N, C-alpha and C. Protein backbone atom coordinates (compact mmCIF):
# COMPACT_ATOMS: atom_id res chain seq x y z
N MET A 1 39.70 -43.14 -12.55
CA MET A 1 39.85 -41.80 -11.97
C MET A 1 40.50 -41.94 -10.59
N ASN A 2 41.61 -41.18 -10.37
CA ASN A 2 42.29 -41.32 -9.09
C ASN A 2 41.61 -40.51 -8.00
N LEU A 3 42.05 -40.72 -6.77
CA LEU A 3 41.43 -40.10 -5.61
C LEU A 3 41.55 -38.58 -5.66
N GLU A 4 42.70 -38.07 -6.14
CA GLU A 4 42.92 -36.62 -6.18
C GLU A 4 41.93 -35.94 -7.14
N ALA A 5 41.66 -36.58 -8.26
CA ALA A 5 40.72 -36.02 -9.24
C ALA A 5 39.29 -36.00 -8.68
N ILE A 6 38.94 -37.03 -7.93
CA ILE A 6 37.62 -37.09 -7.31
C ILE A 6 37.45 -35.96 -6.31
N ARG A 7 38.52 -35.73 -5.51
CA ARG A 7 38.47 -34.66 -4.50
C ARG A 7 38.29 -33.29 -5.17
N GLU A 8 39.03 -33.08 -6.26
CA GLU A 8 38.94 -31.81 -6.98
C GLU A 8 37.53 -31.59 -7.53
N LYS A 9 36.93 -32.67 -8.04
CA LYS A 9 35.58 -32.58 -8.60
C LYS A 9 34.55 -32.27 -7.53
N ILE A 10 34.69 -32.92 -6.37
CA ILE A 10 33.76 -32.70 -5.26
C ILE A 10 33.85 -31.27 -4.76
N ALA A 11 35.07 -30.72 -4.69
CA ALA A 11 35.26 -29.34 -4.22
C ALA A 11 34.75 -28.33 -5.23
N TYR A 12 34.84 -28.65 -6.51
CA TYR A 12 34.46 -27.73 -7.58
C TYR A 12 32.94 -27.52 -7.65
N GLN A 13 32.16 -28.57 -7.41
CA GLN A 13 30.71 -28.50 -7.56
C GLN A 13 30.05 -27.50 -6.58
N PRO A 14 30.35 -27.52 -5.28
CA PRO A 14 29.75 -26.52 -4.38
C PRO A 14 30.13 -25.09 -4.75
N LEU A 15 31.39 -24.92 -5.21
CA LEU A 15 31.84 -23.59 -5.61
C LEU A 15 31.03 -23.08 -6.80
N LEU A 16 30.80 -23.98 -7.77
CA LEU A 16 30.02 -23.60 -8.94
C LEU A 16 28.58 -23.27 -8.57
N LEU A 17 27.99 -24.07 -7.68
CA LEU A 17 26.63 -23.81 -7.23
C LEU A 17 26.54 -22.47 -6.49
N GLY A 18 27.57 -22.17 -5.71
CA GLY A 18 27.60 -20.91 -4.99
C GLY A 18 27.65 -19.71 -5.92
N VAL A 19 28.45 -19.84 -6.99
CA VAL A 19 28.54 -18.76 -7.97
C VAL A 19 27.20 -18.54 -8.64
N PHE A 20 26.54 -19.62 -9.05
CA PHE A 20 25.22 -19.51 -9.70
C PHE A 20 24.18 -18.90 -8.75
N ALA A 21 24.23 -19.30 -7.49
CA ALA A 21 23.29 -18.77 -6.51
C ALA A 21 23.50 -17.27 -6.31
N LEU A 22 24.77 -16.87 -6.27
CA LEU A 22 25.10 -15.46 -6.11
C LEU A 22 24.61 -14.65 -7.31
N LEU A 23 24.84 -15.18 -8.50
CA LEU A 23 24.39 -14.50 -9.72
C LEU A 23 22.87 -14.39 -9.76
N ALA A 24 22.18 -15.47 -9.35
CA ALA A 24 20.72 -15.48 -9.37
C ALA A 24 20.15 -14.48 -8.38
N SER A 25 20.71 -14.42 -7.16
CA SER A 25 20.20 -13.48 -6.17
C SER A 25 20.47 -12.04 -6.60
N GLY A 26 21.61 -11.83 -7.26
CA GLY A 26 21.91 -10.49 -7.78
C GLY A 26 20.94 -10.07 -8.86
N ALA A 27 20.59 -11.02 -9.72
CA ALA A 27 19.63 -10.72 -10.80
C ALA A 27 18.25 -10.40 -10.23
N LEU A 28 17.86 -11.16 -9.21
CA LEU A 28 16.55 -10.91 -8.58
C LEU A 28 16.51 -9.56 -7.89
N ALA A 29 17.60 -9.21 -7.22
CA ALA A 29 17.66 -7.91 -6.55
C ALA A 29 17.59 -6.78 -7.56
N TRP A 30 18.29 -6.95 -8.68
CA TRP A 30 18.27 -5.92 -9.72
C TRP A 30 16.87 -5.77 -10.31
N ALA A 31 16.21 -6.92 -10.58
CA ALA A 31 14.86 -6.89 -11.15
C ALA A 31 13.88 -6.23 -10.19
N SER A 32 14.01 -6.53 -8.89
CA SER A 32 13.12 -5.94 -7.90
C SER A 32 13.31 -4.43 -7.84
N SER A 33 14.57 -4.01 -7.88
CA SER A 33 14.87 -2.57 -7.84
C SER A 33 14.36 -1.87 -9.09
N ALA A 34 14.53 -2.54 -10.24
CA ALA A 34 14.15 -1.92 -11.51
C ALA A 34 12.64 -1.78 -11.64
N THR A 35 11.90 -2.76 -11.11
CA THR A 35 10.44 -2.72 -11.25
C THR A 35 9.75 -2.01 -10.09
N GLY A 36 10.44 -1.83 -8.97
CA GLY A 36 9.84 -1.21 -7.79
C GLY A 36 9.32 0.19 -8.06
N ASP A 37 10.13 1.00 -8.75
CA ASP A 37 9.71 2.37 -9.04
C ASP A 37 8.49 2.38 -9.96
N ALA A 38 8.48 1.46 -10.93
CA ALA A 38 7.36 1.40 -11.88
C ALA A 38 6.07 0.99 -11.17
N ILE A 39 6.17 0.04 -10.25
CA ILE A 39 4.99 -0.41 -9.49
C ILE A 39 4.48 0.72 -8.61
N ALA A 40 5.39 1.42 -7.94
CA ALA A 40 4.99 2.54 -7.08
C ALA A 40 4.32 3.64 -7.89
N ALA A 41 4.86 3.90 -9.08
CA ALA A 41 4.27 4.94 -9.94
C ALA A 41 2.87 4.54 -10.40
N ALA A 42 2.69 3.25 -10.72
CA ALA A 42 1.38 2.76 -11.16
C ALA A 42 0.36 2.84 -10.02
N GLU A 43 0.79 2.49 -8.80
CA GLU A 43 -0.10 2.56 -7.65
C GLU A 43 -0.50 4.01 -7.36
N ALA A 44 0.47 4.92 -7.49
CA ALA A 44 0.18 6.34 -7.27
C ALA A 44 -0.82 6.85 -8.30
N LYS A 45 -0.66 6.40 -9.55
CA LYS A 45 -1.58 6.83 -10.61
C LYS A 45 -2.99 6.32 -10.33
N ASP A 46 -3.11 5.06 -9.92
CA ASP A 46 -4.42 4.49 -9.60
C ASP A 46 -5.09 5.27 -8.47
N LEU A 47 -4.31 5.61 -7.44
CA LEU A 47 -4.85 6.35 -6.32
C LEU A 47 -5.27 7.75 -6.76
N ARG A 48 -4.43 8.40 -7.56
CA ARG A 48 -4.75 9.74 -8.04
C ARG A 48 -6.03 9.72 -8.89
N ASP A 49 -6.15 8.70 -9.74
CA ASP A 49 -7.35 8.59 -10.59
C ASP A 49 -8.60 8.41 -9.74
N SER A 50 -8.51 7.58 -8.69
CA SER A 50 -9.66 7.34 -7.82
C SER A 50 -10.04 8.63 -7.08
N LEU A 51 -9.05 9.33 -6.56
CA LEU A 51 -9.32 10.57 -5.84
C LEU A 51 -9.91 11.63 -6.78
N SER A 52 -9.42 11.66 -8.00
CA SER A 52 -9.90 12.65 -8.96
C SER A 52 -11.36 12.40 -9.36
N GLU A 53 -11.83 11.16 -9.20
CA GLU A 53 -13.23 10.85 -9.53
C GLU A 53 -14.21 11.54 -8.60
N VAL A 54 -13.80 11.76 -7.35
CA VAL A 54 -14.72 12.38 -6.39
C VAL A 54 -14.46 13.88 -6.22
N LEU A 55 -13.40 14.37 -6.86
CA LEU A 55 -13.05 15.78 -6.73
C LEU A 55 -13.32 16.50 -8.05
N PRO A 56 -14.27 17.44 -8.06
CA PRO A 56 -14.57 18.16 -9.30
C PRO A 56 -13.35 18.89 -9.86
N ALA A 57 -13.29 19.02 -11.15
CA ALA A 57 -12.17 19.70 -11.80
C ALA A 57 -12.09 21.15 -11.34
N GLY A 58 -10.87 21.62 -11.15
CA GLY A 58 -10.66 23.02 -10.79
C GLY A 58 -10.68 23.31 -9.31
N VAL A 59 -10.99 22.32 -8.49
CA VAL A 59 -11.05 22.55 -7.04
C VAL A 59 -9.66 22.68 -6.44
N ALA A 60 -8.69 21.95 -6.99
CA ALA A 60 -7.35 21.94 -6.41
C ALA A 60 -6.28 22.31 -7.43
N ASP A 61 -5.22 22.93 -6.92
CA ASP A 61 -4.05 23.18 -7.76
C ASP A 61 -2.78 22.61 -7.13
N ASN A 62 -2.95 21.79 -6.09
CA ASN A 62 -1.80 21.17 -5.44
C ASN A 62 -1.75 19.68 -5.74
N ASP A 63 -0.66 19.03 -5.34
CA ASP A 63 -0.55 17.57 -5.46
C ASP A 63 -1.09 16.98 -4.15
N PHE A 64 -2.38 16.66 -4.13
CA PHE A 64 -2.99 16.21 -2.88
C PHE A 64 -2.51 14.84 -2.42
N LEU A 65 -1.81 14.11 -3.28
CA LEU A 65 -1.22 12.85 -2.83
C LEU A 65 -0.10 13.09 -1.84
N LYS A 66 0.49 14.28 -1.89
CA LYS A 66 1.61 14.61 -1.01
C LYS A 66 1.19 15.54 0.13
N ASP A 67 -0.07 15.89 0.18
CA ASP A 67 -0.57 16.79 1.23
C ASP A 67 -1.56 16.00 2.08
N THR A 68 -1.04 15.25 3.03
CA THR A 68 -1.88 14.33 3.81
C THR A 68 -1.65 14.47 5.31
N ILE A 69 -2.65 14.06 6.06
CA ILE A 69 -2.52 13.89 7.50
C ILE A 69 -3.25 12.60 7.86
N ASP A 70 -2.82 11.97 8.93
CA ASP A 70 -3.47 10.75 9.42
C ASP A 70 -4.20 11.05 10.71
N LEU A 71 -5.47 10.68 10.76
CA LEU A 71 -6.29 10.89 11.95
C LEU A 71 -6.89 9.57 12.40
N ASP A 72 -7.21 9.49 13.68
CA ASP A 72 -7.78 8.26 14.24
C ASP A 72 -9.29 8.24 14.07
N LYS A 73 -9.80 7.10 13.60
CA LYS A 73 -11.25 6.90 13.49
C LYS A 73 -11.57 5.51 14.02
N GLY A 74 -12.15 5.46 15.19
CA GLY A 74 -12.50 4.18 15.78
C GLY A 74 -11.31 3.27 16.05
N GLY A 75 -10.18 3.89 16.39
CA GLY A 75 -9.00 3.09 16.68
C GLY A 75 -8.16 2.74 15.47
N LYS A 76 -8.56 3.21 14.30
CA LYS A 76 -7.82 2.94 13.07
C LYS A 76 -7.41 4.25 12.41
N PRO A 77 -6.20 4.29 11.83
CA PRO A 77 -5.76 5.53 11.17
C PRO A 77 -6.47 5.72 9.82
N VAL A 78 -6.86 6.97 9.56
CA VAL A 78 -7.46 7.33 8.28
C VAL A 78 -6.59 8.40 7.64
N THR A 79 -6.19 8.15 6.41
CA THR A 79 -5.37 9.13 5.69
C THR A 79 -6.29 10.15 5.01
N ILE A 80 -6.04 11.41 5.30
CA ILE A 80 -6.81 12.50 4.71
C ILE A 80 -5.96 13.17 3.63
N TYR A 81 -6.47 13.21 2.41
CA TYR A 81 -5.79 13.91 1.32
C TYR A 81 -6.43 15.29 1.20
N ARG A 82 -5.61 16.35 1.30
CA ARG A 82 -6.14 17.71 1.31
C ARG A 82 -5.95 18.39 -0.05
N ALA A 83 -7.05 18.82 -0.63
CA ALA A 83 -7.03 19.53 -1.90
C ALA A 83 -7.00 21.02 -1.63
N ARG A 84 -6.00 21.70 -2.16
CA ARG A 84 -5.85 23.13 -1.91
C ARG A 84 -5.99 23.94 -3.19
N LYS A 85 -6.40 25.16 -3.03
CA LYS A 85 -6.43 26.14 -4.13
C LYS A 85 -5.85 27.43 -3.58
N ASP A 86 -4.78 27.88 -4.21
CA ASP A 86 -4.07 29.09 -3.73
C ASP A 86 -3.67 28.96 -2.27
N GLY A 87 -3.30 27.76 -1.87
CA GLY A 87 -2.82 27.52 -0.52
C GLY A 87 -3.87 27.18 0.51
N ALA A 88 -5.12 27.46 0.22
CA ALA A 88 -6.19 27.19 1.19
C ALA A 88 -6.80 25.82 0.94
N VAL A 89 -7.10 25.09 2.02
CA VAL A 89 -7.73 23.77 1.90
C VAL A 89 -9.18 23.94 1.44
N LYS A 90 -9.48 23.37 0.29
CA LYS A 90 -10.82 23.47 -0.27
C LYS A 90 -11.63 22.19 -0.11
N ALA A 91 -10.92 21.07 0.09
CA ALA A 91 -11.63 19.79 0.23
C ALA A 91 -10.74 18.77 0.92
N ALA A 92 -11.38 17.80 1.54
CA ALA A 92 -10.69 16.66 2.15
C ALA A 92 -11.21 15.39 1.50
N LEU A 93 -10.30 14.50 1.15
CA LEU A 93 -10.66 13.24 0.52
C LEU A 93 -10.18 12.10 1.40
N PHE A 94 -11.05 11.13 1.66
CA PHE A 94 -10.69 10.03 2.54
C PHE A 94 -11.64 8.84 2.33
N LYS A 95 -11.24 7.71 2.89
CA LYS A 95 -12.02 6.48 2.77
C LYS A 95 -12.78 6.20 4.06
N VAL A 96 -13.98 5.66 3.90
CA VAL A 96 -14.78 5.18 5.02
C VAL A 96 -15.30 3.80 4.64
N ALA A 97 -15.85 3.09 5.60
CA ALA A 97 -16.36 1.74 5.31
C ALA A 97 -17.48 1.36 6.26
N GLU A 98 -18.38 0.54 5.76
CA GLU A 98 -19.45 -0.05 6.57
C GLU A 98 -19.72 -1.46 6.04
N ARG A 99 -20.26 -2.28 6.89
CA ARG A 99 -20.58 -3.65 6.47
C ARG A 99 -21.92 -3.66 5.74
N GLY A 100 -21.92 -4.23 4.54
CA GLY A 100 -23.14 -4.39 3.77
C GLY A 100 -23.69 -5.79 3.91
N TYR A 101 -24.38 -6.26 2.89
CA TYR A 101 -24.97 -7.60 2.91
C TYR A 101 -23.90 -8.68 2.74
N GLY A 102 -22.96 -8.44 1.81
CA GLY A 102 -21.96 -9.46 1.51
C GLY A 102 -20.62 -9.26 2.19
N GLY A 103 -20.45 -8.14 2.87
CA GLY A 103 -19.17 -7.86 3.51
C GLY A 103 -18.93 -6.37 3.59
N GLU A 104 -17.70 -5.99 3.83
CA GLU A 104 -17.37 -4.58 3.99
C GLU A 104 -17.47 -3.83 2.65
N ILE A 105 -18.05 -2.66 2.70
CA ILE A 105 -18.14 -1.78 1.54
C ILE A 105 -17.21 -0.60 1.79
N GLN A 106 -16.21 -0.44 0.93
CA GLN A 106 -15.26 0.65 1.06
C GLN A 106 -15.70 1.82 0.18
N VAL A 107 -15.78 2.99 0.78
CA VAL A 107 -16.28 4.17 0.10
C VAL A 107 -15.23 5.28 0.15
N LEU A 108 -15.03 5.93 -0.98
CA LEU A 108 -14.15 7.10 -1.06
C LEU A 108 -15.03 8.34 -1.20
N MET A 109 -14.75 9.36 -0.42
CA MET A 109 -15.58 10.56 -0.49
C MET A 109 -14.73 11.82 -0.41
N ALA A 110 -15.26 12.88 -1.02
CA ALA A 110 -14.63 14.20 -0.95
C ALA A 110 -15.61 15.15 -0.29
N VAL A 111 -15.12 15.92 0.67
CA VAL A 111 -15.95 16.86 1.42
C VAL A 111 -15.33 18.24 1.31
N ASP A 112 -16.12 19.26 0.98
CA ASP A 112 -15.55 20.60 0.87
C ASP A 112 -15.37 21.22 2.25
N SER A 113 -14.77 22.40 2.29
CA SER A 113 -14.42 23.02 3.57
C SER A 113 -15.64 23.41 4.40
N GLU A 114 -16.81 23.42 3.77
CA GLU A 114 -18.04 23.74 4.49
C GLU A 114 -18.79 22.49 4.95
N GLY A 115 -18.24 21.32 4.66
CA GLY A 115 -18.87 20.08 5.11
C GLY A 115 -19.89 19.51 4.15
N ARG A 116 -19.80 19.87 2.87
CA ARG A 116 -20.70 19.31 1.85
C ARG A 116 -19.95 18.28 1.02
N THR A 117 -20.65 17.21 0.66
CA THR A 117 -20.03 16.18 -0.16
C THR A 117 -19.87 16.66 -1.60
N LEU A 118 -18.66 16.51 -2.11
CA LEU A 118 -18.38 16.86 -3.50
C LEU A 118 -18.51 15.65 -4.42
N GLY A 119 -18.28 14.49 -3.86
CA GLY A 119 -18.38 13.27 -4.65
C GLY A 119 -18.20 12.04 -3.78
N VAL A 120 -18.83 10.96 -4.17
CA VAL A 120 -18.75 9.68 -3.45
C VAL A 120 -18.61 8.56 -4.47
N ARG A 121 -17.70 7.63 -4.22
CA ARG A 121 -17.56 6.46 -5.08
C ARG A 121 -17.31 5.23 -4.21
N VAL A 122 -17.86 4.11 -4.62
CA VAL A 122 -17.60 2.84 -3.93
C VAL A 122 -16.36 2.22 -4.56
N LEU A 123 -15.35 1.97 -3.73
CA LEU A 123 -14.09 1.42 -4.21
C LEU A 123 -14.08 -0.10 -4.26
N LYS A 124 -14.71 -0.71 -3.26
CA LYS A 124 -14.63 -2.17 -3.15
C LYS A 124 -15.84 -2.69 -2.40
N HIS A 125 -16.38 -3.81 -2.87
CA HIS A 125 -17.52 -4.44 -2.18
C HIS A 125 -17.67 -5.88 -2.66
N THR A 126 -18.48 -6.64 -1.94
CA THR A 126 -18.78 -8.03 -2.33
C THR A 126 -20.30 -8.23 -2.31
N GLU A 127 -21.03 -7.21 -2.73
CA GLU A 127 -22.49 -7.29 -2.73
C GLU A 127 -23.01 -8.13 -3.90
N THR A 128 -24.25 -8.52 -3.83
CA THR A 128 -24.85 -9.42 -4.82
C THR A 128 -24.91 -8.79 -6.22
N PRO A 129 -24.31 -9.44 -7.21
CA PRO A 129 -24.38 -8.91 -8.58
C PRO A 129 -25.82 -8.79 -9.06
N GLY A 130 -26.12 -7.68 -9.72
CA GLY A 130 -27.47 -7.47 -10.24
C GLY A 130 -28.42 -6.84 -9.24
N LEU A 131 -28.01 -6.79 -7.98
CA LEU A 131 -28.84 -6.17 -6.93
C LEU A 131 -28.03 -5.10 -6.20
N GLY A 132 -27.15 -5.56 -5.34
CA GLY A 132 -26.35 -4.63 -4.55
C GLY A 132 -25.29 -3.88 -5.32
N ASP A 133 -24.92 -4.39 -6.49
CA ASP A 133 -23.83 -3.72 -7.21
C ASP A 133 -24.26 -2.42 -7.87
N LYS A 134 -25.51 -2.01 -7.69
CA LYS A 134 -25.95 -0.72 -8.21
C LYS A 134 -25.29 0.45 -7.47
N ILE A 135 -24.56 0.16 -6.42
CA ILE A 135 -23.81 1.20 -5.73
C ILE A 135 -22.59 1.62 -6.55
N GLU A 136 -22.24 0.84 -7.56
CA GLU A 136 -21.12 1.19 -8.44
C GLU A 136 -21.58 2.22 -9.46
N ILE A 137 -20.77 3.24 -9.69
CA ILE A 137 -21.13 4.30 -10.62
C ILE A 137 -21.28 3.79 -12.05
N LYS A 138 -20.55 2.74 -12.39
CA LYS A 138 -20.64 2.21 -13.76
C LYS A 138 -21.91 1.38 -13.98
N LYS A 139 -22.58 1.02 -12.89
CA LYS A 139 -23.82 0.25 -12.99
C LYS A 139 -25.06 1.12 -12.83
N ASP A 140 -24.94 2.19 -12.06
CA ASP A 140 -26.12 3.02 -11.75
C ASP A 140 -25.64 4.37 -11.21
N PRO A 141 -26.34 5.47 -11.54
CA PRO A 141 -25.93 6.79 -11.03
C PRO A 141 -26.36 7.06 -9.59
N TRP A 142 -26.89 6.05 -8.90
CA TRP A 142 -27.43 6.23 -7.55
C TRP A 142 -26.46 6.95 -6.62
N VAL A 143 -25.16 6.61 -6.68
CA VAL A 143 -24.19 7.16 -5.74
C VAL A 143 -24.03 8.68 -5.90
N LYS A 144 -24.44 9.21 -7.04
CA LYS A 144 -24.37 10.66 -7.24
C LYS A 144 -25.41 11.42 -6.41
N SER A 145 -26.36 10.68 -5.82
CA SER A 145 -27.38 11.34 -5.00
C SER A 145 -26.79 11.95 -3.74
N PHE A 146 -25.52 11.63 -3.43
CA PHE A 146 -24.87 12.21 -2.26
C PHE A 146 -24.23 13.56 -2.56
N ASP A 147 -24.07 13.89 -3.82
CA ASP A 147 -23.41 15.14 -4.19
C ASP A 147 -24.12 16.34 -3.59
N GLY A 148 -23.37 17.20 -2.91
CA GLY A 148 -23.94 18.42 -2.34
C GLY A 148 -24.63 18.24 -1.01
N LYS A 149 -24.67 17.02 -0.50
CA LYS A 149 -25.35 16.77 0.77
C LYS A 149 -24.44 17.14 1.95
N SER A 150 -25.06 17.43 3.08
CA SER A 150 -24.33 17.77 4.30
C SER A 150 -25.10 17.24 5.50
N LEU A 151 -24.60 17.48 6.69
CA LEU A 151 -25.29 17.01 7.89
C LEU A 151 -26.57 17.80 8.16
N SER A 152 -26.73 18.94 7.49
CA SER A 152 -27.96 19.72 7.65
C SER A 152 -28.87 19.63 6.43
N ASP A 153 -28.40 18.99 5.38
CA ASP A 153 -29.18 18.83 4.15
C ASP A 153 -28.88 17.47 3.53
N PRO A 154 -29.68 16.45 3.87
CA PRO A 154 -30.91 16.50 4.67
C PRO A 154 -30.61 16.58 6.17
N SER A 155 -31.63 16.76 6.95
CA SER A 155 -31.47 16.79 8.40
C SER A 155 -31.02 15.41 8.88
N PRO A 156 -30.37 15.35 10.03
CA PRO A 156 -29.83 14.07 10.52
C PRO A 156 -30.84 12.92 10.53
N ASP A 157 -32.10 13.19 10.85
CA ASP A 157 -33.09 12.12 10.91
C ASP A 157 -33.51 11.62 9.53
N LYS A 158 -33.11 12.34 8.49
CA LYS A 158 -33.44 11.93 7.13
C LYS A 158 -32.27 11.28 6.40
N TRP A 159 -31.16 11.11 7.13
CA TRP A 159 -30.02 10.42 6.53
C TRP A 159 -30.27 8.91 6.60
N GLY A 160 -31.04 8.42 5.65
CA GLY A 160 -31.36 7.00 5.56
C GLY A 160 -32.04 6.72 4.25
N VAL A 161 -32.32 5.46 3.99
CA VAL A 161 -33.05 5.11 2.77
C VAL A 161 -34.53 5.36 3.02
N LYS A 162 -35.29 5.44 1.96
CA LYS A 162 -36.71 5.79 2.08
C LYS A 162 -37.50 4.79 2.92
N LYS A 163 -37.05 3.54 2.91
CA LYS A 163 -37.71 2.52 3.73
C LYS A 163 -37.58 2.84 5.21
N ASP A 164 -36.52 3.58 5.56
CA ASP A 164 -36.30 3.99 6.95
C ASP A 164 -36.70 5.45 7.16
N ASN A 165 -37.58 5.95 6.29
CA ASN A 165 -38.06 7.34 6.36
C ASN A 165 -36.98 8.37 6.03
N GLY A 166 -35.97 7.92 5.28
CA GLY A 166 -34.92 8.82 4.84
C GLY A 166 -35.19 9.33 3.44
N VAL A 167 -34.20 9.99 2.84
CA VAL A 167 -34.39 10.61 1.53
C VAL A 167 -33.71 9.85 0.38
N PHE A 168 -32.92 8.84 0.70
CA PHE A 168 -32.17 8.14 -0.34
C PHE A 168 -32.91 6.89 -0.81
N ASP A 169 -32.88 6.69 -2.12
CA ASP A 169 -33.54 5.52 -2.69
C ASP A 169 -32.87 4.23 -2.24
N GLN A 170 -33.65 3.17 -2.14
CA GLN A 170 -33.10 1.85 -1.93
C GLN A 170 -33.27 1.04 -3.22
N PHE A 171 -32.70 -0.15 -3.25
CA PHE A 171 -32.82 -1.01 -4.42
C PHE A 171 -33.82 -2.12 -4.12
N ALA A 172 -34.60 -2.49 -5.09
CA ALA A 172 -35.55 -3.59 -4.91
C ALA A 172 -34.79 -4.86 -4.56
N GLY A 173 -35.09 -5.43 -3.42
CA GLY A 173 -34.47 -6.68 -3.00
C GLY A 173 -33.08 -6.53 -2.41
N ALA A 174 -32.64 -5.28 -2.20
CA ALA A 174 -31.29 -5.09 -1.67
C ALA A 174 -31.21 -3.82 -0.84
N THR A 175 -32.02 -3.74 0.17
CA THR A 175 -32.06 -2.54 1.01
C THR A 175 -30.82 -2.41 1.89
N ILE A 176 -30.27 -3.53 2.33
CA ILE A 176 -29.13 -3.51 3.25
C ILE A 176 -27.93 -2.79 2.63
N THR A 177 -27.72 -3.00 1.33
CA THR A 177 -26.55 -2.43 0.66
C THR A 177 -26.58 -0.90 0.63
N PRO A 178 -27.62 -0.27 0.08
CA PRO A 178 -27.64 1.20 0.08
C PRO A 178 -27.70 1.78 1.49
N ARG A 179 -28.34 1.07 2.40
CA ARG A 179 -28.39 1.52 3.79
C ARG A 179 -26.97 1.63 4.36
N ALA A 180 -26.13 0.67 4.04
CA ALA A 180 -24.74 0.68 4.53
C ALA A 180 -23.95 1.84 3.93
N VAL A 181 -24.18 2.13 2.64
CA VAL A 181 -23.46 3.23 2.00
C VAL A 181 -23.89 4.57 2.60
N VAL A 182 -25.21 4.73 2.82
CA VAL A 182 -25.71 5.96 3.45
C VAL A 182 -25.07 6.14 4.83
N LYS A 183 -25.01 5.07 5.58
CA LYS A 183 -24.40 5.12 6.91
C LYS A 183 -22.93 5.49 6.83
N ALA A 184 -22.23 4.93 5.83
CA ALA A 184 -20.81 5.22 5.66
C ALA A 184 -20.57 6.69 5.33
N VAL A 185 -21.37 7.22 4.43
CA VAL A 185 -21.20 8.62 4.02
C VAL A 185 -21.52 9.57 5.17
N LYS A 186 -22.62 9.31 5.87
CA LYS A 186 -22.96 10.16 7.02
C LYS A 186 -21.86 10.07 8.08
N GLY A 187 -21.35 8.87 8.28
CA GLY A 187 -20.25 8.70 9.23
C GLY A 187 -19.02 9.48 8.81
N GLY A 188 -18.79 9.54 7.49
CA GLY A 188 -17.67 10.32 6.98
C GLY A 188 -17.86 11.81 7.24
N LEU A 189 -19.08 12.29 7.07
CA LEU A 189 -19.37 13.70 7.34
C LEU A 189 -19.23 14.02 8.83
N ASP A 190 -19.68 13.10 9.67
CA ASP A 190 -19.51 13.26 11.12
C ASP A 190 -18.02 13.34 11.47
N PHE A 191 -17.24 12.47 10.85
CA PHE A 191 -15.80 12.41 11.09
C PHE A 191 -15.14 13.72 10.66
N PHE A 192 -15.51 14.21 9.47
CA PHE A 192 -14.94 15.46 8.98
C PHE A 192 -15.27 16.60 9.93
N THR A 193 -16.53 16.69 10.36
CA THR A 193 -16.95 17.77 11.26
C THR A 193 -16.18 17.74 12.58
N ALA A 194 -15.97 16.54 13.11
CA ALA A 194 -15.26 16.39 14.38
C ALA A 194 -13.80 16.81 14.26
N HIS A 195 -13.22 16.68 13.07
CA HIS A 195 -11.80 16.97 12.88
C HIS A 195 -11.55 18.15 11.93
N LYS A 196 -12.58 18.95 11.72
CA LYS A 196 -12.47 20.03 10.73
C LYS A 196 -11.30 20.97 11.02
N ALA A 197 -11.11 21.34 12.27
CA ALA A 197 -10.02 22.27 12.62
C ALA A 197 -8.66 21.67 12.27
N GLU A 198 -8.50 20.38 12.52
CA GLU A 198 -7.23 19.73 12.21
C GLU A 198 -7.01 19.63 10.70
N ILE A 199 -8.07 19.35 9.97
CA ILE A 199 -7.97 19.16 8.52
C ILE A 199 -7.78 20.48 7.79
N ILE A 200 -8.60 21.45 8.11
CA ILE A 200 -8.57 22.73 7.40
C ILE A 200 -7.47 23.64 7.93
N GLY A 201 -7.21 23.56 9.23
CA GLY A 201 -6.26 24.51 9.82
C GLY A 201 -4.83 24.08 9.81
N SER A 202 -4.54 22.77 9.56
CA SER A 202 -3.17 22.30 9.59
C SER A 202 -2.38 22.80 8.40
N ALA A 203 -1.16 23.13 8.63
CA ALA A 203 -0.29 23.55 7.51
C ALA A 203 0.29 22.33 6.85
N SER A 204 0.57 22.46 5.55
CA SER A 204 1.14 21.34 4.81
C SER A 204 2.61 21.18 5.14
């Protein structure tokens, strides 16, 4: 093989690699674009399903995923999803959290315009299986005990588990977990009350 042929071969290889790299990056960009919308749609569906779990049927006729405001809670932004009926805000849906026995417990709650809880669900936790996981609706109906509650029913001093002279049941061997959820829900009601004018009075 002469020197000229060797030079041509050496020059050809980087060019070929460059073409393959360009084709590969183009394919990846196309795949990302093609799947991005599907992933976003799936995430929106999951969020809508979770929000619908705490919002009774018939309360809203709007797309509450698109009717939101962000408010500050302890230095962190909280997204409020507003459920409307005939244009009027009938409920606010948002997440709160408190530390339980195994870590942070994330709670989703819906509050009506009068400050009563319409529904509460635990979204995420790391509590002890068989004990603390009774906060999950699929394991125990305990979380439904918050339905219809407000800051005046029960009175503020009764917002606790029975071990703390409150009205909510605790779990045998796992008092810390329900105590944290009670605290989270009451904190959510306090938050709603403090920002009620912004939530109910803001235009979409």
